[in-house]
N, C-alpha and C. Protein backbone atom coordinates (compact mmCIF):
# COMPACT_ATOMS: atom_id res chain seq x y z
N MET A 1 -8.69 -15.03 -9.43
CA MET A 1 -8.04 -13.98 -10.16
C MET A 1 -7.85 -14.43 -11.61
N ASP A 2 -8.10 -13.52 -12.55
CA ASP A 2 -8.02 -13.85 -13.97
C ASP A 2 -6.71 -13.44 -14.63
N THR A 3 -5.70 -13.15 -13.83
CA THR A 3 -4.44 -12.71 -14.41
C THR A 3 -3.27 -13.25 -13.60
N ASP A 4 -2.16 -13.40 -14.27
CA ASP A 4 -0.93 -13.77 -13.58
C ASP A 4 -0.12 -12.54 -13.19
N LEU A 5 -0.59 -11.37 -13.58
CA LEU A 5 0.12 -10.13 -13.26
C LEU A 5 -0.05 -9.80 -11.78
N PRO A 6 0.94 -9.17 -11.18
CA PRO A 6 0.81 -8.80 -9.77
C PRO A 6 -0.24 -7.71 -9.58
N MET A 7 -0.96 -7.78 -8.47
CA MET A 7 -1.97 -6.76 -8.16
C MET A 7 -1.36 -5.74 -7.22
N SER A 8 -1.73 -4.48 -7.43
CA SER A 8 -1.33 -3.44 -6.49
C SER A 8 -2.40 -2.35 -6.54
N PHE A 9 -2.44 -1.53 -5.49
CA PHE A 9 -3.39 -0.43 -5.48
C PHE A 9 -3.17 0.50 -6.66
N MET A 10 -1.92 0.68 -7.04
CA MET A 10 -1.61 1.62 -8.12
C MET A 10 -2.10 1.13 -9.48
N THR A 11 -2.27 -0.16 -9.67
CA THR A 11 -2.73 -0.68 -10.96
C THR A 11 -4.25 -0.76 -11.07
N LEU A 12 -4.96 -0.61 -9.96
CA LEU A 12 -6.41 -0.78 -9.98
C LEU A 12 -7.11 0.20 -10.91
N GLY A 13 -6.68 1.45 -10.92
CA GLY A 13 -7.29 2.44 -11.81
C GLY A 13 -7.12 2.09 -13.27
N ASN A 14 -5.93 1.60 -13.61
CA ASN A 14 -5.68 1.17 -14.99
C ASN A 14 -6.52 -0.05 -15.34
N ASP A 15 -6.72 -0.94 -14.37
CA ASP A 15 -7.55 -2.12 -14.62
C ASP A 15 -8.99 -1.72 -14.93
N VAL A 16 -9.52 -0.76 -14.19
CA VAL A 16 -10.89 -0.28 -14.45
C VAL A 16 -10.96 0.34 -15.84
N ALA A 17 -9.98 1.17 -16.19
CA ALA A 17 -9.97 1.81 -17.51
C ALA A 17 -9.89 0.76 -18.62
N ALA A 18 -9.09 -0.28 -18.41
CA ALA A 18 -8.98 -1.35 -19.41
C ALA A 18 -10.31 -2.09 -19.56
N LEU A 19 -11.01 -2.32 -18.46
CA LEU A 19 -12.32 -2.97 -18.53
C LEU A 19 -13.32 -2.10 -19.28
N LEU A 20 -13.28 -0.79 -19.02
CA LEU A 20 -14.17 0.12 -19.75
C LEU A 20 -13.84 0.11 -21.25
N ASP A 21 -12.55 0.12 -21.58
CA ASP A 21 -12.14 0.04 -22.99
C ASP A 21 -12.66 -1.24 -23.63
N HIS A 22 -12.43 -2.37 -22.96
CA HIS A 22 -12.84 -3.67 -23.48
C HIS A 22 -14.36 -3.73 -23.69
N SER A 23 -15.10 -3.06 -22.81
CA SER A 23 -16.56 -3.07 -22.88
C SER A 23 -17.12 -1.93 -23.74
N ALA A 24 -16.24 -1.13 -24.35
CA ALA A 24 -16.63 0.01 -25.19
C ALA A 24 -17.52 0.99 -24.43
N ILE A 25 -17.12 1.28 -23.18
CA ILE A 25 -17.83 2.24 -22.34
C ILE A 25 -16.93 3.46 -22.18
N ALA A 26 -17.44 4.62 -22.55
CA ALA A 26 -16.62 5.84 -22.51
C ALA A 26 -16.32 6.28 -21.08
N ASN A 27 -17.35 6.30 -20.23
CA ASN A 27 -17.17 6.63 -18.82
C ASN A 27 -18.30 5.99 -18.04
N ALA A 28 -18.14 5.91 -16.72
CA ALA A 28 -19.10 5.14 -15.94
C ALA A 28 -19.23 5.70 -14.53
N ASP A 29 -20.32 5.33 -13.88
CA ASP A 29 -20.50 5.53 -12.45
C ASP A 29 -20.02 4.24 -11.78
N LEU A 30 -19.18 4.36 -10.77
CA LEU A 30 -18.56 3.20 -10.15
C LEU A 30 -18.91 3.12 -8.67
N VAL A 31 -19.01 1.90 -8.15
CA VAL A 31 -19.26 1.65 -6.73
C VAL A 31 -18.28 0.59 -6.26
N GLY A 32 -17.74 0.79 -5.06
CA GLY A 32 -16.85 -0.22 -4.49
C GLY A 32 -17.10 -0.37 -3.01
N PHE A 33 -16.99 -1.58 -2.52
CA PHE A 33 -17.21 -1.89 -1.11
C PHE A 33 -15.94 -2.47 -0.51
N SER A 34 -15.57 -1.99 0.66
CA SER A 34 -14.41 -2.48 1.40
C SER A 34 -13.16 -2.38 0.54
N PHE A 35 -12.40 -3.47 0.39
CA PHE A 35 -11.19 -3.44 -0.43
C PHE A 35 -11.51 -3.01 -1.86
N GLY A 36 -12.68 -3.39 -2.35
CA GLY A 36 -13.08 -3.02 -3.71
C GLY A 36 -13.30 -1.53 -3.91
N GLY A 37 -13.39 -0.78 -2.83
CA GLY A 37 -13.53 0.66 -2.94
C GLY A 37 -12.29 1.34 -3.49
N ALA A 38 -11.16 0.66 -3.42
CA ALA A 38 -9.92 1.22 -3.96
C ALA A 38 -10.00 1.36 -5.48
N SER A 39 -10.71 0.48 -6.13
CA SER A 39 -10.79 0.52 -7.60
C SER A 39 -11.41 1.81 -8.13
N PRO A 40 -12.61 2.20 -7.66
CA PRO A 40 -13.15 3.46 -8.18
C PRO A 40 -12.34 4.68 -7.76
N MET A 41 -11.76 4.64 -6.56
CA MET A 41 -10.94 5.78 -6.14
C MET A 41 -9.71 5.93 -7.03
N ARG A 42 -9.01 4.83 -7.28
CA ARG A 42 -7.82 4.89 -8.13
C ARG A 42 -8.21 5.26 -9.56
N ALA A 43 -9.34 4.74 -10.06
CA ALA A 43 -9.78 5.08 -11.41
C ALA A 43 -10.06 6.58 -11.51
N ALA A 44 -10.70 7.15 -10.50
CA ALA A 44 -11.01 8.57 -10.52
C ALA A 44 -9.73 9.42 -10.48
N ILE A 45 -8.72 8.95 -9.77
CA ILE A 45 -7.44 9.67 -9.69
C ILE A 45 -6.65 9.52 -10.98
N GLN A 46 -6.57 8.30 -11.49
CA GLN A 46 -5.71 8.01 -12.64
C GLN A 46 -6.39 8.31 -13.98
N HIS A 47 -7.70 8.21 -14.03
CA HIS A 47 -8.45 8.38 -15.29
C HIS A 47 -9.71 9.18 -15.03
N PRO A 48 -9.60 10.44 -14.59
CA PRO A 48 -10.78 11.21 -14.20
C PRO A 48 -11.81 11.39 -15.33
N ASP A 49 -11.37 11.34 -16.57
CA ASP A 49 -12.30 11.47 -17.69
C ASP A 49 -13.16 10.22 -17.89
N ARG A 50 -12.80 9.12 -17.28
CA ARG A 50 -13.54 7.85 -17.44
C ARG A 50 -14.56 7.63 -16.32
N VAL A 51 -14.49 8.44 -15.25
CA VAL A 51 -15.36 8.25 -14.08
C VAL A 51 -16.29 9.45 -13.94
N ARG A 52 -17.60 9.20 -14.11
CA ARG A 52 -18.58 10.28 -13.92
C ARG A 52 -18.77 10.55 -12.43
N ARG A 53 -19.06 9.49 -11.68
CA ARG A 53 -19.26 9.56 -10.24
C ARG A 53 -18.79 8.26 -9.64
N PHE A 54 -18.42 8.31 -8.35
CA PHE A 54 -18.11 7.05 -7.68
C PHE A 54 -18.55 7.10 -6.23
N VAL A 55 -18.87 5.93 -5.71
CA VAL A 55 -19.29 5.76 -4.33
C VAL A 55 -18.41 4.67 -3.73
N VAL A 56 -17.87 4.94 -2.55
CA VAL A 56 -17.13 3.91 -1.83
C VAL A 56 -17.81 3.70 -0.48
N ILE A 57 -17.91 2.46 -0.09
CA ILE A 57 -18.61 2.08 1.13
C ILE A 57 -17.66 1.28 2.01
N SER A 58 -17.52 1.70 3.25
CA SER A 58 -16.66 1.00 4.22
C SER A 58 -15.26 0.77 3.67
N THR A 59 -14.67 1.83 3.15
CA THR A 59 -13.37 1.73 2.50
C THR A 59 -12.35 2.57 3.24
N ARG A 60 -11.16 2.03 3.37
CA ARG A 60 -10.07 2.76 3.99
C ARG A 60 -9.54 3.80 3.00
N ILE A 61 -9.36 5.04 3.44
CA ILE A 61 -8.90 6.07 2.52
C ILE A 61 -7.48 6.54 2.83
N ARG A 62 -6.84 5.94 3.80
CA ARG A 62 -5.45 6.27 4.12
C ARG A 62 -4.62 5.00 4.08
N GLY A 63 -3.34 5.15 4.20
CA GLY A 63 -2.48 3.98 4.27
C GLY A 63 -2.14 3.43 2.91
N PRO A 64 -2.35 2.15 2.69
CA PRO A 64 -1.87 1.53 1.46
C PRO A 64 -2.50 2.06 0.18
N LEU A 65 -3.64 2.74 0.29
CA LEU A 65 -4.23 3.31 -0.92
C LEU A 65 -3.42 4.48 -1.43
N GLY A 66 -2.59 5.05 -0.57
CA GLY A 66 -1.77 6.17 -0.99
C GLY A 66 -2.53 7.46 -1.14
N ILE A 67 -3.69 7.57 -0.53
CA ILE A 67 -4.49 8.78 -0.64
C ILE A 67 -4.39 9.51 0.70
N ARG A 68 -3.65 10.60 0.71
CA ARG A 68 -3.43 11.37 1.92
C ARG A 68 -3.43 12.84 1.59
N LYS A 69 -3.71 13.65 2.59
CA LYS A 69 -3.57 15.10 2.40
C LYS A 69 -2.10 15.43 2.29
N ARG A 70 -1.77 16.38 1.46
CA ARG A 70 -0.38 16.81 1.34
C ARG A 70 0.10 17.37 2.66
N GLY A 71 1.34 17.06 2.99
CA GLY A 71 1.94 17.59 4.20
C GLY A 71 1.63 16.79 5.44
N ARG A 72 0.86 15.73 5.31
CA ARG A 72 0.54 14.89 6.46
C ARG A 72 1.00 13.47 6.20
N ALA A 73 1.43 12.81 7.23
CA ALA A 73 1.92 11.42 7.10
C ALA A 73 0.78 10.46 7.19
């Protein structure tokens, strides 16, 4: 890990946006596998203008990612 800051699912989208800013990339196509699939999903939710398309592979979409249908637990 390259940071002393705590990691959480909620910060992953901001981390992707910061990487795009640092790399001078306006928006990108993102891919994530397993736990790494949370990054493009959170980026698409938190910064939809920065994500053109995203693919997640073998990624959990419920539970700790906080992505659920409204009205369902």
